[in-house]
PDB file of N, CA and C in Angstrom:
ATOM      1  N   MET A   1     -75.959  17.653 -26.118  1.00  0.00           N
ATOM      2  CA  MET A   1     -75.352  18.497 -26.279  1.00  0.00           C
ATOM      3  C   MET A   1     -75.256  19.681 -27.434  1.00  0.00           C
ATOM      4  N   SER A   2     -74.943  21.074 -27.037  1.00  0.00           N
ATOM      5  CA  SER A   2     -75.316  22.232 -27.645  1.00  0.00           C
ATOM      6  C   SER A   2     -74.389  22.310 -28.532  1.00  0.00           C
ATOM      7  N   SER A   3     -74.612  22.884 -29.769  1.00  0.00           N
ATOM      8  CA  SER A   3     -73.302  23.407 -30.702  1.00  0.00           C
ATOM      9  C   SER A   3     -72.854  24.841 -30.248  1.00  0.00           C
ATOM     10  N   PRO A   4     -71.847  25.304 -30.273  1.00  0.00           N
ATOM     11  CA  PRO A   4     -71.199  26.751 -30.386  1.00  0.00           C
ATOM     12  C   PRO A   4     -72.226  27.613 -31.104  1.00  0.00           C
ATOM     13  N   LEU A   5     -72.661  27.329 -32.007  1.00  0.00           N
ATOM     14  CA  LEU A   5     -73.508  28.249 -32.829  1.00  0.00           C
ATOM     15  C   LEU A   5     -74.890  28.531 -32.396  1.00  0.00           C
ATOM     16  N   ASP A   6     -75.058  27.388 -31.503  1.00  0.00           N
ATOM     17  CA  ASP A   6     -76.476  27.733 -30.426  1.00  0.00           C
ATOM     18  C   ASP A   6     -76.207  29.056 -29.804  1.00  0.00           C
ATOM     19  N   ASN A   7     -75.245  29.608 -29.404  1.00  0.00           N
ATOM     20  CA  ASN A   7     -74.984  30.957 -28.598  1.00  0.00           C
ATOM     21  C   ASN A   7     -75.187  31.956 -29.477  1.00  0.00           C
ATOM     22  N   LEU A   8     -75.080  31.784 -30.830  1.00  0.00           N
ATOM     23  CA  LEU A   8     -75.314  32.958 -31.763  1.00  0.00           C
ATOM     24  C   LEU A   8     -76.860  33.141 -32.449  1.00  0.00           C
ATOM     25  N   CYS A   9     -77.817  32.280 -31.833  1.00  0.00           N
ATOM     26  CA  CYS A   9     -78.735  31.963 -32.510  1.00  0.00           C
ATOM     27  C   CYS A   9     -80.045  32.549 -31.546  1.00  0.00           C
ATOM     28  N   GLY A  10     -80.814  33.490 -32.022  1.00  0.00           N
ATOM     29  CA  GLY A  10     -81.951  33.871 -31.145  1.00  0.00           C
ATOM     30  C   GLY A  10     -82.206  35.099 -31.083  1.00  0.00           C
ATOM     31  N   ALA A  11     -83.171  35.599 -30.282  1.00  0.00           N
ATOM     32  CA  ALA A  11     -83.518  36.963 -30.481  1.00  0.00           C
ATOM     33  C   ALA A  11     -82.397  37.891 -30.372  1.00  0.00           C
ATOM     34  N   ASN A  12     -82.351  38.993 -31.059  1.00  0.00           N
ATOM     35  CA  ASN A  12     -81.201  39.916 -30.937  1.00  0.00           C
ATOM     36  C   ASN A  12     -79.837  39.152 -31.204  1.00  0.00           C
ATOM     37  N   LYS A  13     -80.008  38.341 -31.669  1.00  0.00           N
ATOM     38  CA  LYS A  13     -78.574  37.449 -32.194  1.00  0.00           C
ATOM     39  C   LYS A  13     -78.295  37.393 -33.562  1.00  0.00           C
ATOM     40  N   PRO A  14     -76.965  37.422 -33.913  1.00  0.00           N
ATOM     41  CA  PRO A  14     -76.847  37.340 -35.509  1.00  0.00           C
ATOM     42  C   PRO A  14     -77.353  36.513 -36.526  1.00  0.00           C
ATOM     43  N   LEU A  15     -77.471  34.902 -36.103  1.00  0.00           N
ATOM     44  CA  LEU A  15     -78.091  33.862 -36.914  1.00  0.00           C
ATOM     45  C   LEU A  15     -79.446  33.770 -36.549  1.00  0.00           C
ATOM     46  N   ALA A  16     -79.795  32.986 -37.349  1.00  0.00           N
ATOM     47  CA  ALA A  16     -81.740  32.492 -36.948  1.00  0.00           C
ATOM     48  C   ALA A  16     -81.688  30.920 -37.627  1.00  0.00           C
ATOM     49  N   LEU A  17     -81.855  29.956 -36.885  1.00  0.00           N
ATOM     50  CA  LEU A  17     -82.135  28.727 -37.229  1.00  0.00           C
ATOM     51  C   LEU A  17     -83.048  28.516 -38.393  1.00  0.00           C
ATOM     52  N   GLU A  18     -82.687  27.879 -39.543  1.00  0.00           N
ATOM     53  CA  GLU A  18     -83.518  27.482 -40.551  1.00  0.00           C
ATOM     54  C   GLU A  18     -83.704  26.005 -40.593  1.00  0.00           C
ATOM     55  N   PRO A  19     -84.991  25.391 -41.298  1.00  0.00           N
ATOM     56  CA  PRO A  19     -85.195  23.916 -41.368  1.00  0.00           C
ATOM     57  C   PRO A  19     -84.240  23.452 -42.779  1.00  0.00           C
ATOM     58  N   PRO A  20     -83.903  22.334 -42.650  1.00  0.00           N
ATOM     59  CA  PRO A  20     -83.354  21.977 -43.944  1.00  0.00           C
ATOM     60  C   PRO A  20     -83.887  22.090 -44.857  1.00  0.00           C
ATOM     61  N   ASP A  21     -83.506  22.159 -46.337  1.00  0.00           N
ATOM     62  CA  ASP A  21     -84.195  22.647 -47.532  1.00  0.00           C
ATOM     63  C   ASP A  21     -83.374  21.688 -48.556  1.00  0.00           C
ATOM     64  N   ALA A  22     -84.018  20.589 -48.918  1.00  0.00           N
ATOM     65  CA  ALA A  22     -83.726  19.557 -49.979  1.00  0.00           C
ATOM     66  C   ALA A  22     -83.297  20.095 -51.192  1.00  0.00           C
ATOM     67  N   SER A  23     -83.843  21.012 -51.611  1.00  0.00           N
ATOM     68  CA  SER A  23     -83.974  21.500 -53.009  1.00  0.00           C
ATOM     69  C   SER A  23     -82.511  22.503 -52.714  1.00  0.00           C
ATOM     70  N   GLU A  24     -82.288  23.198 -51.884  1.00  0.00           N
ATOM     71  CA  GLU A  24     -81.415  24.039 -51.884  1.00  0.00           C
ATOM     72  C   GLU A  24     -79.906  23.311 -51.517  1.00  0.00           C
ATOM     73  N   PHE A  25     -80.038  22.041 -51.179  1.00  0.00           N
ATOM     74  CA  PHE A  25     -78.903  21.416 -50.943  1.00  0.00           C
ATOM     75  C   PHE A  25     -78.533  20.794 -52.072  1.00  0.00           C
ATOM     76  N   ALA A  26     -79.549  20.441 -52.946  1.00  0.00           N
ATOM     77  CA  ALA A  26     -79.056  19.734 -54.090  1.00  0.00           C
ATOM     78  C   ALA A  26     -78.636  20.714 -54.998  1.00  0.00           C
ATOM     79  N   GLY A  27     -79.025  21.610 -55.166  1.00  0.00           N
ATOM     80  CA  GLY A  27     -78.667  22.952 -55.941  1.00  0.00           C
ATOM     81  C   GLY A  27     -77.086  23.224 -55.479  1.00  0.00           C
ATOM     82  N   LEU A  28     -77.006  23.443 -54.333  1.00  0.00           N
ATOM     83  CA  LEU A  28     -75.427  23.352 -53.989  1.00  0.00           C
ATOM     84  C   LEU A  28     -74.505  22.602 -54.242  1.00  0.00           C
ATOM     85  N   LYS A  29     -75.087  21.232 -54.106  1.00  0.00           N
ATOM     86  CA  LYS A  29     -74.295  20.039 -54.317  1.00  0.00           C
ATOM     87  C   LYS A  29     -73.857  19.736 -55.826  1.00  0.00           C
ATOM     88  N   ARG A  30     -74.792  20.404 -56.519  1.00  0.00           N
ATOM     89  CA  ARG A  30     -74.749  20.296 -58.027  1.00  0.00           C
ATOM     90  C   ARG A  30     -73.835  21.206 -58.588  1.00  0.00           C
ATOM     91  N   SER A  31     -73.395  22.673 -57.705  1.00  0.00           N
ATOM     92  CA  SER A  31     -72.804  23.721 -58.053  1.00  0.00           C
ATOM     93  C   SER A  31     -71.395  23.155 -57.659  1.00  0.00           C
ATOM     94  N   GLY A  32     -71.231  22.525 -56.208  1.00  0.00           N
ATOM     95  CA  GLY A  32     -69.518  22.371 -56.087  1.00  0.00           C
ATOM     96  C   GLY A  32     -69.274  21.270 -57.084  1.00  0.00           C
ATOM     97  N   ILE A  33     -69.971  20.265 -57.370  1.00  0.00           N
ATOM     98  CA  ILE A  33     -69.432  19.413 -58.149  1.00  0.00           C
ATOM     99  C   ILE A  33     -68.877  19.942 -59.469  1.00  0.00           C
ATOM    100  N   ALA A  34     -69.994  20.667 -60.227  1.00  0.00           N
ATOM    101  CA  ALA A  34     -69.423  21.177 -61.462  1.00  0.00           C
ATOM    102  C   ALA A  34     -67.816  22.029 -61.286  1.00  0.00           C
ATOM    103  N   ARG A  35     -67.962  22.974 -59.986  1.00  0.00           N
ATOM    104  CA  ARG A  35     -66.736  23.830 -59.663  1.00  0.00           C
ATOM    105  C   ARG A  35     -65.666  23.051 -59.691  1.00  0.00           C
ATOM    106  N   LEU A  36     -65.987  21.805 -59.307  1.00  0.00           N
ATOM    107  CA  LEU A  36     -64.356  20.861 -58.532  1.00  0.00           C
ATOM    108  C   LEU A  36     -64.237  20.119 -60.212  1.00  0.00           C
ATOM    109  N   GLN A  37     -65.079  19.557 -61.046  1.00  0.00           N
ATOM    110  CA  GLN A  37     -64.819  18.968 -62.308  1.00  0.00           C
ATOM    111  C   GLN A  37     -64.070  20.393 -63.131  1.00  0.00           C
ATOM    112  N   ASP A  38     -64.819  21.460 -63.288  1.00  0.00           N
ATOM    113  CA  ASP A  38     -64.081  22.729 -64.041  1.00  0.00           C
ATOM    114  C   ASP A  38     -62.770  22.330 -63.624  1.00  0.00           C
ATOM    115  N   ALA A  39     -61.995  22.596 -62.170  1.00  0.00           N
ATOM    116  CA  ALA A  39     -61.361  22.941 -61.363  1.00  0.00           C
ATOM    117  C   ALA A  39     -60.008  21.823 -62.217  1.00  0.00           C
ATOM    118  N   SER A  40     -60.539  21.003 -62.377  1.00  0.00           N
ATOM    119  CA  SER A  40     -59.488  19.557 -62.923  1.00  0.00           C
ATOM    120  C   SER A  40     -59.361  19.752 -64.331  1.00  0.00           C
ATOM    121  N   ASN A  41     -59.785  20.880 -64.933  1.00  0.00           N
ATOM    122  CA  ASN A  41     -59.582  21.232 -66.533  1.00  0.00           C
ATOM    123  C   ASN A  41     -58.106  21.770 -66.769  1.00  0.00           C
ATOM    124  N   THR A  42     -57.182  20.947 -67.074  1.00  0.00           N
ATOM    125  CA  THR A  42     -55.996  21.430 -67.470  1.00  0.00           C
ATOM    126  C   THR A  42     -55.709  22.331 -68.616  1.00  0.00           C
ATOM    127  N   SER A  43     -56.787  22.765 -68.908  1.00  0.00           N
ATOM    128  CA  SER A  43     -56.602  24.023 -70.243  1.00  0.00           C
ATOM    129  C   SER A  43     -56.838  24.962 -69.514  1.00  0.00           C
ATOM    130  N   LEU A  44     -57.247  24.914 -68.321  1.00  0.00           N
ATOM    131  CA  LEU A  44     -57.379  26.107 -67.914  1.00  0.00           C
ATOM    132  C   LEU A  44     -56.324  26.761 -66.800  1.00  0.00           C
ATOM    133  N   SER A  45     -55.998  27.975 -66.684  1.00  0.00           N
ATOM    134  CA  SER A  45     -54.942  28.488 -65.877  1.00  0.00           C
ATOM    135  C   SER A  45     -54.608  27.977 -64.582  1.00  0.00           C
ATOM    136  N   LEU A  46     -53.958  28.023 -63.908  1.00  0.00           N
ATOM    137  CA  LEU A  46     -53.250  27.501 -62.568  1.00  0.00           C
ATOM    138  C   LEU A  46     -54.046  28.110 -61.378  1.00  0.00           C
ATOM    139  N   GLU A  47     -54.266  29.321 -62.185  1.00  0.00           N
ATOM    140  CA  GLU A  47     -54.966  30.496 -61.151  1.00  0.00           C
ATOM    141  C   GLU A  47     -56.385  30.330 -61.183  1.00  0.00           C
ATOM    142  N   GLY A  48     -57.341  29.964 -62.382  1.00  0.00           N
ATOM    143  CA  GLY A  48     -58.488  29.915 -62.511  1.00  0.00           C
ATOM    144  C   GLY A  48     -59.231  28.772 -61.848  1.00  0.00           C
ATOM    145  N   ARG A  49     -58.313  27.414 -62.125  1.00  0.00           N
ATOM    146  CA  ARG A  49     -58.298  26.081 -61.752  1.00  0.00           C
ATOM    147  C   ARG A  49     -58.118  26.316 -60.168  1.00  0.00           C
ATOM    148  N   PHE A  50     -57.456  27.180 -59.492  1.00  0.00           N
ATOM    149  CA  PHE A  50     -57.271  27.363 -57.960  1.00  0.00           C
ATOM    150  C   PHE A  50     -58.478  27.896 -57.365  1.00  0.00           C
ATOM    151  N   ASP A  51     -59.094  29.109 -57.941  1.00  0.00           N
ATOM    152  CA  ASP A  51     -60.322  29.950 -57.497  1.00  0.00           C
ATOM    153  C   ASP A  51     -61.380  29.242 -57.930  1.00  0.00           C
ATOM    154  N   LEU A  52     -61.546  28.076 -58.806  1.00  0.00           N
ATOM    155  CA  LEU A  52     -62.371  27.113 -58.904  1.00  0.00           C
ATOM    156  C   LEU A  52     -63.030  26.299 -57.773  1.00  0.00           C
ATOM    157  N   ALA A  53     -61.367  25.624 -57.611  1.00  0.00           N
ATOM    158  CA  ALA A  53     -61.740  24.762 -56.247  1.00  0.00           C
ATOM    159  C   ALA A  53     -61.929  25.540 -54.941  1.00  0.00           C
ATOM    160  N   TYR A  54     -60.998  26.882 -54.630  1.00  0.00           N
ATOM    161  CA  TYR A  54     -61.133  27.718 -53.532  1.00  0.00           C
ATOM    162  C   TYR A  54     -62.652  27.848 -53.613  1.00  0.00           C
ATOM    163  N   ASN A  55     -62.865  28.506 -54.401  1.00  0.00           N
ATOM    164  CA  ASN A  55     -64.271  29.059 -54.296  1.00  0.00           C
ATOM    165  C   ASN A  55     -65.641  28.360 -53.909  1.00  0.00           C
ATOM    166  N   ASP A  56     -65.241  26.665 -54.021  1.00  0.00           N
ATOM    167  CA  ASP A  56     -66.088  25.506 -54.010  1.00  0.00           C
ATOM    168  C   ASP A  56     -66.405  25.485 -52.314  1.00  0.00           C
ATOM    169  N   ALA A  57     -65.116  25.734 -51.691  1.00  0.00           N
ATOM    170  CA  ALA A  57     -65.069  25.461 -50.348  1.00  0.00           C
ATOM    171  C   ALA A  57     -66.040  25.907 -49.366  1.00  0.00           C
ATOM    172  N   PRO A  58     -66.940  27.311 -49.463  1.00  0.00           N
ATOM    173  CA  PRO A  58     -68.111  27.587 -48.948  1.00  0.00           C
ATOM    174  C   PRO A  58     -69.407  26.814 -49.104  1.00  0.00           C
ATOM    175  N   THR A  59     -69.294  26.350 -50.603  1.00  0.00           N
ATOM    176  CA  THR A  59     -70.441  25.464 -50.829  1.00  0.00           C
ATOM    177  C   THR A  59     -70.232  24.259 -50.067  1.00  0.00           C
ATOM    178  N   SER A  60     -69.160  23.358 -49.957  1.00  0.00           N
ATOM    179  CA  SER A  60     -68.974  22.348 -49.429  1.00  0.00           C
ATOM    180  C   SER A  60     -69.281  22.508 -47.732  1.00  0.00           C
ATOM    181  N   VAL A  61     -69.143  23.687 -47.119  1.00  0.00           N
ATOM    182  CA  VAL A  61     -68.928  23.796 -46.058  1.00  0.00           C
ATOM    183  C   VAL A  61     -70.912  23.778 -45.373  1.00  0.00           C
ATOM    184  N   SER A  62     -71.243  25.072 -46.233  1.00  0.00           N
ATOM    185  CA  SER A  62     -72.979  25.190 -45.992  1.00  0.00           C
ATOM    186  C   SER A  62     -73.463  23.967 -46.518  1.00  0.00           C
ATOM    187  N   THR A  63     -73.194  22.783 -47.248  1.00  0.00           N
ATOM    188  CA  THR A  63     -74.129  21.726 -47.267  1.00  0.00           C
ATOM    189  C   THR A  63     -73.531  20.374 -46.764  1.00  0.00           C
ATOM    190  N   ASP A  64     -73.788  20.725 -45.316  1.00  0.00           N
ATOM    191  CA  ASP A  64     -73.202  20.253 -44.595  1.00  0.00           C
ATOM    192  C   ASP A  64     -74.183  18.465 -44.450  1.00  0.00           C
ATOM    193  N   SER A  65     -73.292  17.725 -45.052  1.00  0.00           N
ATOM    194  CA  SER A  65     -74.073  16.228 -45.123  1.00  0.00           C
ATOM    195  C   SER A  65     -73.478  15.206 -44.393  1.00  0.00           C
ATOM    196  N   ARG A  66     -72.644  15.592 -43.001  1.00  0.00           N
ATOM    197  CA  ARG A  66     -72.490  14.559 -42.064  1.00  0.00           C
ATOM    198  C   ARG A  66     -73.734  13.679 -41.576  1.00  0.00           C
ATOM    199  N   PRO A  67     -73.507  12.436 -41.486  1.00  0.00           N
ATOM    200  CA  PRO A  67     -74.651  11.741 -40.786  1.00  0.00           C
ATOM    201  C   PRO A  67     -75.018  12.318 -39.364  1.00  0.00           C
ATOM    202  N   GLY A  68     -76.461  12.237 -38.977  1.00  0.00           N
ATOM    203  CA  GLY A  68     -76.464  12.837 -37.849  1.00  0.00           C
ATOM    204  C   GLY A  68     -76.820  14.388 -37.944  1.00  0.00           C
ATOM    205  N   SER A  69     -76.272  15.058 -38.783  1.00  0.00           N
ATOM    206  CA  SER A  69     -76.723  16.661 -39.089  1.00  0.00           C
ATOM    207  C   SER A  69     -78.233  16.667 -39.378  1.00  0.00           C
ATOM    208  N   LYS A  70     -78.600  17.876 -38.267  1.00  0.00           N
ATOM    209  CA  LYS A  70     -80.245  18.003 -38.367  1.00  0.00           C
ATOM    210  C   LYS A  70     -80.133  19.482 -38.290  1.00  0.00           C
ATOM    211  N   SER A  71     -79.671  20.202 -38.295  1.00  0.00           N
ATOM    212  CA  SER A  71     -79.546  21.659 -38.822  1.00  0.00           C
ATOM    213  C   SER A  71     -78.820  22.302 -39.639  1.00  0.00           C
ATOM    214  N   ARG A  72     -79.189  23.533 -40.342  1.00  0.00           N
ATOM    215  CA  ARG A  72     -78.355  24.304 -40.866  1.00  0.00           C
ATOM    216  C   ARG A  72     -78.583  25.628 -40.452  1.00  0.00           C
ATOM    217  N   TRP A  73     -77.157  26.396 -40.276  1.00  0.00           N
ATOM    218  CA  TRP A  73     -77.438  27.876 -40.078  1.00  0.00           C
ATOM    219  C   TRP A  73     -77.205  28.679 -40.904  1.00  0.00           C
ATOM    220  N   ARG A  74     -77.906  29.811 -40.901  1.00  0.00           N
ATOM    221  CA  ARG A  74     -77.750  31.295 -42.218  1.00  0.00           C
ATOM    222  C   ARG A  74     -77.565  32.423 -41.466  1.00  0.00           C
ATOM    223  N   SER A  75     -76.966  33.059 -41.838  1.00  0.00           N
ATOM    224  CA  SER A  75     -76.368  34.516 -41.263  1.00  0.00           C
ATOM    225  C   SER A  75     -77.620  35.194 -41.958  1.00  0.00           C
TER     226      SER A  75
END
């Protein structure tokens, strides 16, 4: 079964398929964990904590670690 993203990948299309990169994944995961830990720091303003947690969402999405996930998409 193909992914909806398959329709966006290829010649003259906006996305290109890249192979997984373990070191990039590890760096994004490390960054996400640090942001979430900082977001739980009650000495920071509520707005700052929200920003830290909210801005981690793209990191979490781009580091798809679901079992069976075989590819990553980059724009």
